[in-house]
């Protein structure tokens, strides 16, 4: 995916803000997306990364360790770092929607599926 941060942020907003219950606000100095007051995606602007909530990070990291990885900071959390320069838009969209599903209530998921 191109690392033009304006285009990337527009992709993030188009993908996530259309999902029920999603809000965007700053997390320290970077934009983040929340559902149920729980963070699901945190953009690391200066590093051109996004930290995503995931229950399948090993699967992704084995498939493409240059794109999907963690640092020691994330070792004990259910997050994975995604390198924006190398992630495909389709993979990123899948990961974002999955992160939302992992954090959303059943009511929000039913609302989404009914759209």
PDB file of N, CA and C in Angstrom:
ATOM      1  N   UNK A   1       0.861  -1.173   0.000  1.00  0.00           N
ATOM      2  CA  UNK A   1       0.000   0.000   0.000  1.00  0.00           C
ATOM      3  C   UNK A   1       0.899   1.225   0.000  1.00  0.00           C
ATOM      4  N   UNK A   2       0.529   2.247  -0.729  1.00  0.00           N
ATOM      5  CA  UNK A   2       1.311   3.481  -0.763  1.00  0.00           C
ATOM      6  C   UNK A   2       1.371   4.093   0.632  1.00  0.00           C
ATOM      7  N   UNK A   3       2.468   4.733   0.933  1.00  0.00           N
ATOM      8  CA  UNK A   3       2.619   5.323   2.262  1.00  0.00           C
ATOM      9  C   UNK A   3       2.340   6.821   2.261  1.00  0.00           C
ATOM     10  N   UNK A   4       1.616   7.312   1.285  1.00  0.00           N
ATOM     11  CA  UNK A   4       1.122   8.684   1.347  1.00  0.00           C
ATOM     12  C   UNK A   4       0.158   8.715   2.530  1.00  0.00           C
ATOM     13  N   UNK A   5       0.560   9.370   3.610  1.00  0.00           N
ATOM     14  CA  UNK A   5      -0.209   9.292   4.850  1.00  0.00           C
ATOM     15  C   UNK A   5      -1.610   9.890   4.707  1.00  0.00           C
ATOM     16  N   UNK A   6      -1.772  10.894   3.871  1.00  0.00           N
ATOM     17  CA  UNK A   6      -3.113  11.444   3.661  1.00  0.00           C
ATOM     18  C   UNK A   6      -4.016  10.383   3.032  1.00  0.00           C
ATOM     19  N   UNK A   7      -3.516   9.716   1.988  1.00  0.00           N
ATOM     20  CA  UNK A   7      -4.304   8.670   1.316  1.00  0.00           C
ATOM     21  C   UNK A   7      -4.543   7.492   2.261  1.00  0.00           C
ATOM     22  N   UNK A   8      -3.523   7.139   3.035  1.00  0.00           N
ATOM     23  CA  UNK A   8      -3.673   6.033   3.977  1.00  0.00           C
ATOM     24  C   UNK A   8      -4.739   6.353   5.020  1.00  0.00           C
ATOM     25  N   UNK A   9      -4.691   7.557   5.598  1.00  0.00           N
ATOM     26  CA  UNK A   9      -5.676   7.920   6.620  1.00  0.00           C
ATOM     27  C   UNK A   9      -7.081   7.948   6.019  1.00  0.00           C
ATOM     28  N   UNK A  10      -7.193   8.366   4.778  1.00  0.00           N
ATOM     29  CA  UNK A  10      -8.510   8.346   4.133  1.00  0.00           C
ATOM     30  C   UNK A  10      -9.000   6.904   3.979  1.00  0.00           C
ATOM     31  N   UNK A  11      -8.105   5.987   3.612  1.00  0.00           N
ATOM     32  CA  UNK A  11      -8.445   4.560   3.520  1.00  0.00           C
ATOM     33  C   UNK A  11      -8.915   4.044   4.875  1.00  0.00           C
ATOM     34  N   UNK A  12      -8.179   4.383   5.926  1.00  0.00           N
ATOM     35  CA  UNK A  12      -8.555   3.955   7.279  1.00  0.00           C
ATOM     36  C   UNK A  12      -9.937   4.488   7.646  1.00  0.00           C
ATOM     37  N   UNK A  13     -10.151   5.763   7.417  1.00  0.00           N
ATOM     38  CA  UNK A  13     -11.452   6.365   7.763  1.00  0.00           C
ATOM     39  C   UNK A  13     -12.576   5.765   6.946  1.00  0.00           C
ATOM     40  N   UNK A  14     -12.355   5.598   5.645  1.00  0.00           N
ATOM     41  CA  UNK A  14     -13.403   5.013   4.785  1.00  0.00           C
ATOM     42  C   UNK A  14     -13.755   3.604   5.246  1.00  0.00           C
ATOM     43  N   UNK A  15     -12.754   2.832   5.640  1.00  0.00           N
ATOM     44  CA  UNK A  15     -12.982   1.449   6.065  1.00  0.00           C
ATOM     45  C   UNK A  15     -13.634   1.378   7.441  1.00  0.00           C
ATOM     46  N   UNK A  16     -13.106   2.135   8.393  1.00  0.00           N
ATOM     47  CA  UNK A  16     -13.530   1.966   9.784  1.00  0.00           C
ATOM     48  C   UNK A  16     -14.719   2.810  10.199  1.00  0.00           C
ATOM     49  N   UNK A  17     -14.785   4.056   9.752  1.00  0.00           N
ATOM     50  CA  UNK A  17     -15.865   4.921  10.241  1.00  0.00           C
ATOM     51  C   UNK A  17     -17.225   4.537   9.680  1.00  0.00           C
ATOM     52  N   UNK A  18     -17.241   3.656   8.674  1.00  0.00           N
ATOM     53  CA  UNK A  18     -18.523   3.152   8.165  1.00  0.00           C
ATOM     54  C   UNK A  18     -19.048   1.989   9.012  1.00  0.00           C
ATOM     55  N   UNK A  19     -18.227   1.482   9.929  1.00  0.00           N
ATOM     56  CA  UNK A  19     -18.647   0.387  10.802  1.00  0.00           C
ATOM     57  C   UNK A  19     -19.379   0.938  12.026  1.00  0.00           C
ATOM     58  N   UNK A  20     -20.416   0.263  12.496  1.00  0.00           N
ATOM     59  CA  UNK A  20     -21.183   0.751  13.644  1.00  0.00           C
ATOM     60  C   UNK A  20     -20.322   0.926  14.900  1.00  0.00           C
ATOM     61  N   UNK A  21     -20.504   2.066  15.548  1.00  0.00           N
ATOM     62  CA  UNK A  21     -19.882   2.312  16.846  1.00  0.00           C
ATOM     63  C   UNK A  21     -18.443   2.779  16.817  1.00  0.00           C
ATOM     64  N   UNK A  22     -17.854   2.983  15.650  1.00  0.00           N
ATOM     65  CA  UNK A  22     -16.438   3.361  15.564  1.00  0.00           C
ATOM     66  C   UNK A  22     -16.281   4.868  15.734  1.00  0.00           C
ATOM     67  N   UNK A  23     -15.278   5.230  16.519  1.00  0.00           N
ATOM     68  CA  UNK A  23     -14.899   6.632  16.679  1.00  0.00           C
ATOM     69  C   UNK A  23     -13.405   6.767  16.447  1.00  0.00           C
ATOM     70  N   UNK A  24     -13.008   7.967  16.072  1.00  0.00           N
ATOM     71  CA  UNK A  24     -11.590   8.271  15.894  1.00  0.00           C
ATOM     72  C   UNK A  24     -11.217   9.362  16.874  1.00  0.00           C
ATOM     73  N   UNK A  25     -10.111   9.186  17.552  1.00  0.00           N
ATOM     74  CA  UNK A  25      -9.577  10.237  18.410  1.00  0.00           C
ATOM     75  C   UNK A  25      -8.090  10.008  18.580  1.00  0.00           C
ATOM     76  N   UNK A  26      -7.421  10.986  19.101  1.00  0.00           N
ATOM     77  CA  UNK A  26      -5.976  10.893  19.264  1.00  0.00           C
ATOM     78  C   UNK A  26      -5.637   9.990  20.456  1.00  0.00           C
ATOM     79  N   UNK A  27      -4.601   9.212  20.271  1.00  0.00           N
ATOM     80  CA  UNK A  27      -4.029   8.373  21.333  1.00  0.00           C
ATOM     81  C   UNK A  27      -2.583   8.829  21.450  1.00  0.00           C
ATOM     82  N   UNK A  28      -2.314   9.585  22.492  1.00  0.00           N
ATOM     83  CA  UNK A  28      -1.057  10.309  22.612  1.00  0.00           C
ATOM     84  C   UNK A  28      -0.946  11.217  21.388  1.00  0.00           C
ATOM     85  N   UNK A  29       0.073  11.078  20.544  1.00  0.00           N
ATOM     86  CA  UNK A  29       0.213  12.001  19.411  1.00  0.00           C
ATOM     87  C   UNK A  29      -0.262  11.401  18.089  1.00  0.00           C
ATOM     88  N   UNK A  30      -0.855  10.228  18.119  1.00  0.00           N
ATOM     89  CA  UNK A  30      -1.261   9.550  16.887  1.00  0.00           C
ATOM     90  C   UNK A  30      -2.758   9.278  16.844  1.00  0.00           C
ATOM     91  N   UNK A  31      -3.332   9.240  15.631  1.00  0.00           N
ATOM     92  CA  UNK A  31      -4.753   8.910  15.507  1.00  0.00           C
ATOM     93  C   UNK A  31      -5.017   7.439  15.825  1.00  0.00           C
ATOM     94  N   UNK A  32      -6.169   7.191  16.426  1.00  0.00           N
ATOM     95  CA  UNK A  32      -6.554   5.825  16.774  1.00  0.00           C
ATOM     96  C   UNK A  32      -8.053   5.662  16.546  1.00  0.00           C
ATOM     97  N   UNK A  33      -8.459   4.421  16.348  1.00  0.00           N
ATOM     98  CA  UNK A  33      -9.862   4.087  16.114  1.00  0.00           C
ATOM     99  C   UNK A  33     -10.329   3.160  17.227  1.00  0.00           C
ATOM    100  N   UNK A  34     -11.523   3.451  17.719  1.00  0.00           N
ATOM    101  CA  UNK A  34     -12.085   2.764  18.888  1.00  0.00           C
ATOM    102  C   UNK A  34     -13.469   2.225  18.570  1.00  0.00           C
ATOM    103  N   UNK A  35     -13.846   1.174  19.293  1.00  0.00           N
ATOM    104  CA  UNK A  35     -15.221   0.717  19.368  1.00  0.00           C
ATOM    105  C   UNK A  35     -15.426   0.267  20.809  1.00  0.00           C
ATOM    106  N   UNK A  36     -16.553   0.633  21.395  1.00  0.00           N
ATOM    107  CA  UNK A  36     -16.830   0.344  22.810  1.00  0.00           C
ATOM    108  C   UNK A  36     -15.746   0.903  23.735  1.00  0.00           C
ATOM    109  N   UNK A  37     -15.212   2.036  23.393  1.00  0.00           N
ATOM    110  CA  UNK A  37     -14.137   2.682  24.159  1.00  0.00           C
ATOM    111  C   UNK A  37     -12.874   1.836  24.217  1.00  0.00           C
ATOM    112  N   UNK A  38     -12.773   0.847  23.335  1.00  0.00           N
ATOM    113  CA  UNK A  38     -11.597  -0.020  23.250  1.00  0.00           C
ATOM    114  C   UNK A  38     -10.872   0.283  21.942  1.00  0.00           C
ATOM    115  N   UNK A  39      -9.582   0.457  22.048  1.00  0.00           N
ATOM    116  CA  UNK A  39      -8.788   0.745  20.857  1.00  0.00           C
ATOM    117  C   UNK A  39      -8.658  -0.511  20.006  1.00  0.00           C
ATOM    118  N   UNK A  40      -8.821  -0.352  18.696  1.00  0.00           N
ATOM    119  CA  UNK A  40      -8.668  -1.495  17.796  1.00  0.00           C
ATOM    120  C   UNK A  40      -7.599  -1.249  16.748  1.00  0.00           C
ATOM    121  N   UNK A  41      -7.287   0.020  16.481  1.00  0.00           N
ATOM    122  CA  UNK A  41      -6.239   0.354  15.512  1.00  0.00           C
ATOM    123  C   UNK A  41      -5.621   1.680  15.913  1.00  0.00           C
ATOM    124  N   UNK A  42      -4.302   1.695  15.979  1.00  0.00           N
ATOM    125  CA  UNK A  42      -3.564   2.896  16.367  1.00  0.00           C
ATOM    126  C   UNK A  42      -2.513   3.157  15.294  1.00  0.00           C
ATOM    127  N   UNK A  43      -2.624   4.284  14.616  1.00  0.00           N
ATOM    128  CA  UNK A  43      -1.707   4.629  13.536  1.00  0.00           C
ATOM    129  C   UNK A  43      -0.456   5.270  14.126  1.00  0.00           C
ATOM    130  N   UNK A  44       0.697   4.771  13.737  1.00  0.00           N
ATOM    131  CA  UNK A  44       1.990   5.322  14.153  1.00  0.00           C
ATOM    132  C   UNK A  44       2.516   6.140  12.976  1.00  0.00           C
ATOM    133  N   UNK A  45       2.117   7.404  12.910  1.00  0.00           N
ATOM    134  CA  UNK A  45       2.387   8.240  11.744  1.00  0.00           C
ATOM    135  C   UNK A  45       3.869   8.314  11.386  1.00  0.00           C
ATOM    136  N   UNK A  46       4.709   8.639  12.350  1.00  0.00           N
ATOM    137  CA  UNK A  46       6.121   8.848  12.013  1.00  0.00           C
ATOM    138  C   UNK A  46       6.831   7.557  11.612  1.00  0.00           C
ATOM    139  N   UNK A  47       6.331   6.410  12.042  1.00  0.00           N
ATOM    140  CA  UNK A  47       6.947   5.123  11.692  1.00  0.00           C
ATOM    141  C   UNK A  47       6.266   4.441  10.508  1.00  0.00           C
ATOM    142  N   UNK A  48       5.168   5.022  10.014  1.00  0.00           N
ATOM    143  CA  UNK A  48       4.375   4.451   8.926  1.00  0.00           C
ATOM    144  C   UNK A  48       3.958   3.009   9.228  1.00  0.00           C
ATOM    145  N   UNK A  49       3.383   2.865  10.438  1.00  0.00           N
ATOM    146  CA  UNK A  49       2.885   1.576  10.926  1.00  0.00           C
ATOM    147  C   UNK A  49       1.482   1.760  11.464  1.00  0.00           C
ATOM    148  N   UNK A  50       0.770   0.664  11.586  1.00  0.00           N
ATOM    149  CA  UNK A  50      -0.481   0.660  12.322  1.00  0.00           C
ATOM    150  C   UNK A  50      -0.443  -0.539  13.266  1.00  0.00           C
ATOM    151  N   UNK A  51      -0.826  -0.305  14.505  1.00  0.00           N
ATOM    152  CA  UNK A  51      -0.950  -1.377  15.486  1.00  0.00           C
ATOM    153  C   UNK A  51      -2.413  -1.806  15.494  1.00  0.00           C
ATOM    154  N   UNK A  52      -2.660  -3.080  15.223  1.00  0.00           N
ATOM    155  CA  UNK A  52      -4.018  -3.607  15.113  1.00  0.00           C
ATOM    156  C   UNK A  52      -4.284  -4.675  16.162  1.00  0.00           C
ATOM    157  N   UNK A  53      -5.480  -4.650  16.720  1.00  0.00           N
ATOM    158  CA  UNK A  53      -5.905  -5.726  17.606  1.00  0.00           C
ATOM    159  C   UNK A  53      -6.143  -6.963  16.747  1.00  0.00           C
ATOM    160  N   UNK A  54      -5.605  -8.089  17.176  1.00  0.00           N
ATOM    161  CA  UNK A  54      -5.779  -9.331  16.422  1.00  0.00           C
ATOM    162  C   UNK A  54      -5.665 -10.525  17.350  1.00  0.00           C
ATOM    163  N   UNK A  55      -6.369 -11.571  16.983  1.00  0.00           N
ATOM    164  CA  UNK A  55      -6.270 -12.843  17.700  1.00  0.00           C
ATOM    165  C   UNK A  55      -5.475 -13.857  16.882  1.00  0.00           C
ATOM    166  N   UNK A  56      -4.977 -13.430  15.716  1.00  0.00           N
ATOM    167  CA  UNK A  56      -4.281 -14.343  14.799  1.00  0.00           C
ATOM    168  C   UNK A  56      -2.928 -13.800  14.362  1.00  0.00           C
ATOM    169  N   UNK A  57      -2.223 -13.118  15.220  1.00  0.00           N
ATOM    170  CA  UNK A  57      -0.994 -12.466  14.759  1.00  0.00           C
ATOM    171  C   UNK A  57       0.075 -13.462  14.311  1.00  0.00           C
ATOM    172  N   UNK A  58       0.146 -14.642  14.933  1.00  0.00           N
ATOM    173  CA  UNK A  58       1.156 -15.610  14.529  1.00  0.00           C
ATOM    174  C   UNK A  58       0.948 -16.021  13.071  1.00  0.00           C
ATOM    175  N   UNK A  59      -0.286 -16.228  12.693  1.00  0.00           N
ATOM    176  CA  UNK A  59      -0.606 -16.599  11.311  1.00  0.00           C
ATOM    177  C   UNK A  59      -0.079 -15.552  10.336  1.00  0.00           C
ATOM    178  N   UNK A  60      -0.345 -14.299  10.619  1.00  0.00           N
ATOM    179  CA  UNK A  60       0.078 -13.204   9.742  1.00  0.00           C
ATOM    180  C   UNK A  60       1.593 -13.030   9.759  1.00  0.00           C
ATOM    181  N   UNK A  61       2.190 -13.122  10.936  1.00  0.00           N
ATOM    182  CA  UNK A  61       3.636 -12.906  11.048  1.00  0.00           C
ATOM    183  C   UNK A  61       4.416 -14.024  10.352  1.00  0.00           C
ATOM    184  N   UNK A  62       3.914 -15.233  10.387  1.00  0.00           N
ATOM    185  CA  UNK A  62       4.571 -16.339   9.681  1.00  0.00           C
ATOM    186  C   UNK A  62       4.436 -16.150   8.171  1.00  0.00           C
ATOM    187  N   UNK A  63       3.271 -15.715   7.719  1.00  0.00           N
ATOM    188  CA  UNK A  63       3.018 -15.549   6.289  1.00  0.00           C
ATOM    189  C   UNK A  63       3.882 -14.442   5.678  1.00  0.00           C
ATOM    190  N   UNK A  64       4.116 -13.348   6.422  1.00  0.00           N
ATOM    191  CA  UNK A  64       4.881 -12.222   5.873  1.00  0.00           C
ATOM    192  C   UNK A  64       5.522 -11.432   7.016  1.00  0.00           C
ATOM    193  N   UNK A  65       6.653 -11.909   7.522  1.00  0.00           N
ATOM    194  CA  UNK A  65       7.278 -11.258   8.675  1.00  0.00           C
ATOM    195  C   UNK A  65       7.832  -9.856   8.400  1.00  0.00           C
ATOM    196  N   UNK A  66       8.012  -9.504   7.130  1.00  0.00           N
ATOM    197  CA  UNK A  66       8.467  -8.143   6.822  1.00  0.00           C
ATOM    198  C   UNK A  66       7.331  -7.132   6.969  1.00  0.00           C
ATOM    199  N   UNK A  67       6.114  -7.583   6.814  1.00  0.00           N
ATOM    200  CA  UNK A  67       4.944  -6.700   6.900  1.00  0.00           C
ATOM    201  C   UNK A  67       4.297  -6.757   8.268  1.00  0.00           C
ATOM    202  N   UNK A  68       4.198  -7.932   8.852  1.00  0.00           N
ATOM    203  CA  UNK A  68       3.490  -8.145  10.113  1.00  0.00           C
ATOM    204  C   UNK A  68       4.485  -8.579  11.186  1.00  0.00           C
ATOM    205  N   UNK A  69       4.535  -7.846  12.297  1.00  0.00           N
ATOM    206  CA  UNK A  69       5.518  -8.147  13.334  1.00  0.00           C
ATOM    207  C   UNK A  69       5.083  -7.517  14.651  1.00  0.00           C
ATOM    208  N   UNK A  70       5.826  -7.825  15.710  1.00  0.00           N
ATOM    209  CA  UNK A  70       5.622  -7.172  16.996  1.00  0.00           C
ATOM    210  C   UNK A  70       6.982  -6.730  17.527  1.00  0.00           C
ATOM    211  N   UNK A  71       6.941  -5.829  18.466  1.00  0.00           N
ATOM    212  CA  UNK A  71       8.122  -5.456  19.241  1.00  0.00           C
ATOM    213  C   UNK A  71       7.889  -5.975  20.658  1.00  0.00           C
ATOM    214  N   UNK A  72       8.897  -5.853  21.490  1.00  0.00           N
ATOM    215  CA  UNK A  72       8.751  -6.306  22.881  1.00  0.00           C
ATOM    216  C   UNK A  72       7.556  -5.648  23.568  1.00  0.00           C
ATOM    217  N   UNK A  73       7.286  -4.397  23.220  1.00  0.00           N
ATOM    218  CA  UNK A  73       6.168  -3.679  23.830  1.00  0.00           C
ATOM    219  C   UNK A  73       4.840  -4.424  23.630  1.00  0.00           C
ATOM    220  N   UNK A  74       4.651  -5.054  22.485  1.00  0.00           N
ATOM    221  CA  UNK A  74       3.379  -5.706  22.148  1.00  0.00           C
ATOM    222  C   UNK A  74       3.347  -7.197  22.495  1.00  0.00           C
ATOM    223  N   UNK A  75       4.423  -7.738  22.998  1.00  0.00           N
ATOM    224  CA  UNK A  75       4.523  -9.176  23.241  1.00  0.00           C
ATOM    225  C   UNK A  75       3.366  -9.723  24.092  1.00  0.00           C
ATOM    226  N   UNK A  76       2.950  -9.005  25.117  1.00  0.00           N
ATOM    227  CA  UNK A  76       1.902  -9.490  26.028  1.00  0.00           C
ATOM    228  C   UNK A  76       0.524  -8.908  25.732  1.00  0.00           C
ATOM    229  N   UNK A  77       0.377  -8.313  24.572  1.00  0.00           N
ATOM    230  CA  UNK A  77      -0.907  -7.732  24.167  1.00  0.00           C
ATOM    231  C   UNK A  77      -1.377  -8.391  22.874  1.00  0.00           C
ATOM    232  N   UNK A  78      -2.654  -8.268  22.590  1.00  0.00           N
ATOM    233  CA  UNK A  78      -3.224  -8.872  21.384  1.00  0.00           C
ATOM    234  C   UNK A  78      -3.195  -7.878  20.225  1.00  0.00           C
ATOM    235  N   UNK A  79      -2.008  -7.344  19.973  1.00  0.00           N
ATOM    236  CA  UNK A  79      -1.810  -6.389  18.889  1.00  0.00           C
ATOM    237  C   UNK A  79      -0.655  -6.844  18.021  1.00  0.00           C
ATOM    238  N   UNK A  80      -0.680  -6.379  16.783  1.00  0.00           N
ATOM    239  CA  UNK A  80       0.369  -6.668  15.824  1.00  0.00           C
ATOM    240  C   UNK A  80       0.658  -5.374  15.070  1.00  0.00           C
ATOM    241  N   UNK A  81       1.903  -5.152  14.744  1.00  0.00           N
ATOM    242  CA  UNK A  81       2.279  -3.997  13.935  1.00  0.00           C
ATOM    243  C   UNK A  81       2.233  -4.389  12.468  1.00  0.00           C
ATOM    244  N   UNK A  82       1.755  -3.442  11.652  1.00  0.00           N
ATOM    245  CA  UNK A  82       1.629  -3.670  10.217  1.00  0.00           C
ATOM    246  C   UNK A  82       2.380  -2.551   9.502  1.00  0.00           C
ATOM    247  N   UNK A  83       3.320  -2.927   8.650  1.00  0.00           N
ATOM    248  CA  UNK A  83       4.111  -1.964   7.890  1.00  0.00           C
ATOM    249  C   UNK A  83       3.283  -1.479   6.685  1.00  0.00           C
ATOM    250  N   UNK A  84       2.977  -0.191   6.660  1.00  0.00           N
ATOM    251  CA  UNK A  84       2.101   0.358   5.623  1.00  0.00           C
ATOM    252  C   UNK A  84       2.705   0.275   4.230  1.00  0.00           C
ATOM    253  N   UNK A  85       4.000   0.332   4.153  1.00  0.00           N
ATOM    254  CA  UNK A  85       4.682   0.319   2.863  1.00  0.00           C
ATOM    255  C   UNK A  85       4.475  -0.992   2.109  1.00  0.00           C
ATOM    256  N   UNK A  86       4.307  -2.095   2.852  1.00  0.00           N
ATOM    257  CA  UNK A  86       4.265  -3.398   2.196  1.00  0.00           C
ATOM    258  C   UNK A  86       2.934  -4.139   2.311  1.00  0.00           C
ATOM    259  N   UNK A  87       2.013  -3.672   3.141  1.00  0.00           N
ATOM    260  CA  UNK A  87       0.736  -4.371   3.288  1.00  0.00           C
ATOM    261  C   UNK A  87      -0.143  -4.109   2.071  1.00  0.00           C
ATOM    262  N   UNK A  88      -0.870  -5.135   1.645  1.00  0.00           N
ATOM    263  CA  UNK A  88      -1.815  -4.944   0.542  1.00  0.00           C
ATOM    264  C   UNK A  88      -3.097  -4.311   1.098  1.00  0.00           C
ATOM    265  N   UNK A  89      -3.756  -3.496   0.296  1.00  0.00           N
ATOM    266  CA  UNK A  89      -5.021  -2.903   0.755  1.00  0.00           C
ATOM    267  C   UNK A  89      -6.054  -3.957   1.155  1.00  0.00           C
ATOM    268  N   UNK A  90      -6.116  -5.073   0.434  1.00  0.00           N
ATOM    269  CA  UNK A  90      -7.088  -6.128   0.765  1.00  0.00           C
ATOM    270  C   UNK A  90      -6.781  -6.754   2.125  1.00  0.00           C
ATOM    271  N   UNK A  91      -5.506  -7.035   2.384  1.00  0.00           N
ATOM    272  CA  UNK A  91      -5.136  -7.602   3.687  1.00  0.00           C
ATOM    273  C   UNK A  91      -5.426  -6.609   4.806  1.00  0.00           C
ATOM    274  N   UNK A  92      -5.091  -5.349   4.579  1.00  0.00           N
ATOM    275  CA  UNK A  92      -5.325  -4.349   5.611  1.00  0.00           C
ATOM    276  C   UNK A  92      -6.813  -4.201   5.901  1.00  0.00           C
ATOM    277  N   UNK A  93      -7.624  -4.175   4.868  1.00  0.00           N
ATOM    278  CA  UNK A  93      -9.074  -4.062   5.078  1.00  0.00           C
ATOM    279  C   UNK A  93      -9.598  -5.260   5.868  1.00  0.00           C
ATOM    280  N   UNK A  94      -9.154  -6.455   5.511  1.00  0.00           N
ATOM    281  CA  UNK A  94      -9.562  -7.662   6.242  1.00  0.00           C
ATOM    282  C   UNK A  94      -9.165  -7.569   7.715  1.00  0.00           C
ATOM    283  N   UNK A  95      -7.942  -7.140   7.974  1.00  0.00           N
ATOM    284  CA  UNK A  95      -7.459  -7.008   9.346  1.00  0.00           C
ATOM    285  C   UNK A  95      -8.234  -5.952  10.128  1.00  0.00           C
ATOM    286  N   UNK A  96      -8.558  -4.848   9.486  1.00  0.00           N
ATOM    287  CA  UNK A  96      -9.306  -3.783  10.168  1.00  0.00           C
ATOM    288  C   UNK A  96     -10.707  -4.249  10.546  1.00  0.00           C
ATOM    289  N   UNK A  97     -11.380  -4.902   9.627  1.00  0.00           N
ATOM    290  CA  UNK A  97     -12.736  -5.378   9.914  1.00  0.00           C
ATOM    291  C   UNK A  97     -12.703  -6.469  10.989  1.00  0.00           C
ATOM    292  N   UNK A  98     -11.689  -7.322  10.942  1.00  0.00           N
ATOM    293  CA  UNK A  98     -11.542  -8.351  11.966  1.00  0.00           C
ATOM    294  C   UNK A  98     -11.257  -7.720  13.328  1.00  0.00           C
ATOM    295  N   UNK A  99     -10.410  -6.704  13.359  1.00  0.00           N
ATOM    296  CA  UNK A  99     -10.125  -6.004  14.623  1.00  0.00           C
ATOM    297  C   UNK A  99     -11.411  -5.406  15.192  1.00  0.00           C
ATOM    298  N   UNK A 100     -12.225  -4.830  14.316  1.00  0.00           N
ATOM    299  CA  UNK A 100     -13.506  -4.272  14.769  1.00  0.00           C
ATOM    300  C   UNK A 100     -14.391  -5.390  15.340  1.00  0.00           C
ATOM    301  N   UNK A 101     -14.503  -6.504  14.626  1.00  0.00           N
ATOM    302  CA  UNK A 101     -15.338  -7.629  15.102  1.00  0.00           C
ATOM    303  C   UNK A 101     -14.849  -8.141  16.455  1.00  0.00           C
ATOM    304  N   UNK A 102     -13.535  -8.161  16.658  1.00  0.00           N
ATOM    305  CA  UNK A 102     -12.984  -8.641  17.930  1.00  0.00           C
ATOM    306  C   UNK A 102     -13.368  -7.743  19.099  1.00  0.00           C
ATOM    307  N   UNK A 103     -13.616  -6.473  18.830  1.00  0.00           N
ATOM    308  CA  UNK A 103     -13.878  -5.502  19.887  1.00  0.00           C
ATOM    309  C   UNK A 103     -15.347  -5.068  19.974  1.00  0.00           C
ATOM    310  N   UNK A 104     -16.117  -5.291  18.935  1.00  0.00           N
ATOM    311  CA  UNK A 104     -17.506  -4.834  18.887  1.00  0.00           C
ATOM    312  C   UNK A 104     -18.422  -5.730  19.722  1.00  0.00           C
ATOM    313  N   UNK A 105     -19.533  -5.163  20.144  1.00  0.00           N
ATOM    314  CA  UNK A 105     -20.553  -5.951  20.830  1.00  0.00           C
ATOM    315  C   UNK A 105     -21.326  -6.779  19.804  1.00  0.00           C
ATOM    316  N   UNK A 106     -22.018  -7.795  20.281  1.00  0.00           N
ATOM    317  CA  UNK A 106     -22.855  -8.603  19.386  1.00  0.00           C
ATOM    318  C   UNK A 106     -23.928  -7.741  18.724  1.00  0.00           C
ATOM    319  N   UNK A 107     -24.441  -6.772  19.443  1.00  0.00           N
ATOM    320  CA  UNK A 107     -25.447  -5.875  18.881  1.00  0.00           C
ATOM    321  C   UNK A 107     -24.880  -5.095  17.696  1.00  0.00           C
ATOM    322  N   UNK A 108     -23.665  -4.571  17.824  1.00  0.00           N
ATOM    323  CA  UNK A 108     -23.040  -3.837  16.729  1.00  0.00           C
ATOM    324  C   UNK A 108     -22.745  -4.752  15.542  1.00  0.00           C
ATOM    325  N   UNK A 109     -22.315  -5.973  15.821  1.00  0.00           N
ATOM    326  CA  UNK A 109     -22.041  -6.919  14.751  1.00  0.00           C
ATOM    327  C   UNK A 109     -23.324  -7.254  13.996  1.00  0.00           C
ATOM    328  N   UNK A 110     -24.430  -7.472  14.716  1.00  0.00           N
ATOM    329  CA  UNK A 110     -25.726  -7.748  14.064  1.00  0.00           C
ATOM    330  C   UNK A 110     -26.154  -6.553  13.216  1.00  0.00           C
ATOM    331  N   UNK A 111     -25.931  -5.342  13.726  1.00  0.00           N
ATOM    332  CA  UNK A 111     -26.272  -4.125  12.971  1.00  0.00           C
ATOM    333  C   UNK A 111     -25.472  -4.084  11.669  1.00  0.00           C
ATOM    334  N   UNK A 112     -24.190  -4.385  11.734  1.00  0.00           N
ATOM    335  CA  UNK A 112     -23.318  -4.397  10.556  1.00  0.00           C
ATOM    336  C   UNK A 112     -23.786  -5.456   9.567  1.00  0.00           C
ATOM    337  N   UNK A 113     -24.075  -6.652  10.054  1.00  0.00           N
ATOM    338  CA  UNK A 113     -24.487  -7.741   9.169  1.00  0.00           C
ATOM    339  C   UNK A 113     -25.845  -7.495   8.553  1.00  0.00           C
ATOM    340  N   UNK A 114     -26.656  -6.667   9.185  1.00  0.00           N
ATOM    341  CA  UNK A 114     -27.974  -6.351   8.640  1.00  0.00           C
ATOM    342  C   UNK A 114     -27.955  -5.250   7.595  1.00  0.00           C
ATOM    343  N   UNK A 115     -26.820  -4.585   7.429  1.00  0.00           N
ATOM    344  CA  UNK A 115     -26.716  -3.481   6.451  1.00  0.00           C
ATOM    345  C   UNK A 115     -26.743  -4.014   5.040  1.00  0.00           C
TER     346      UNK A 115
END
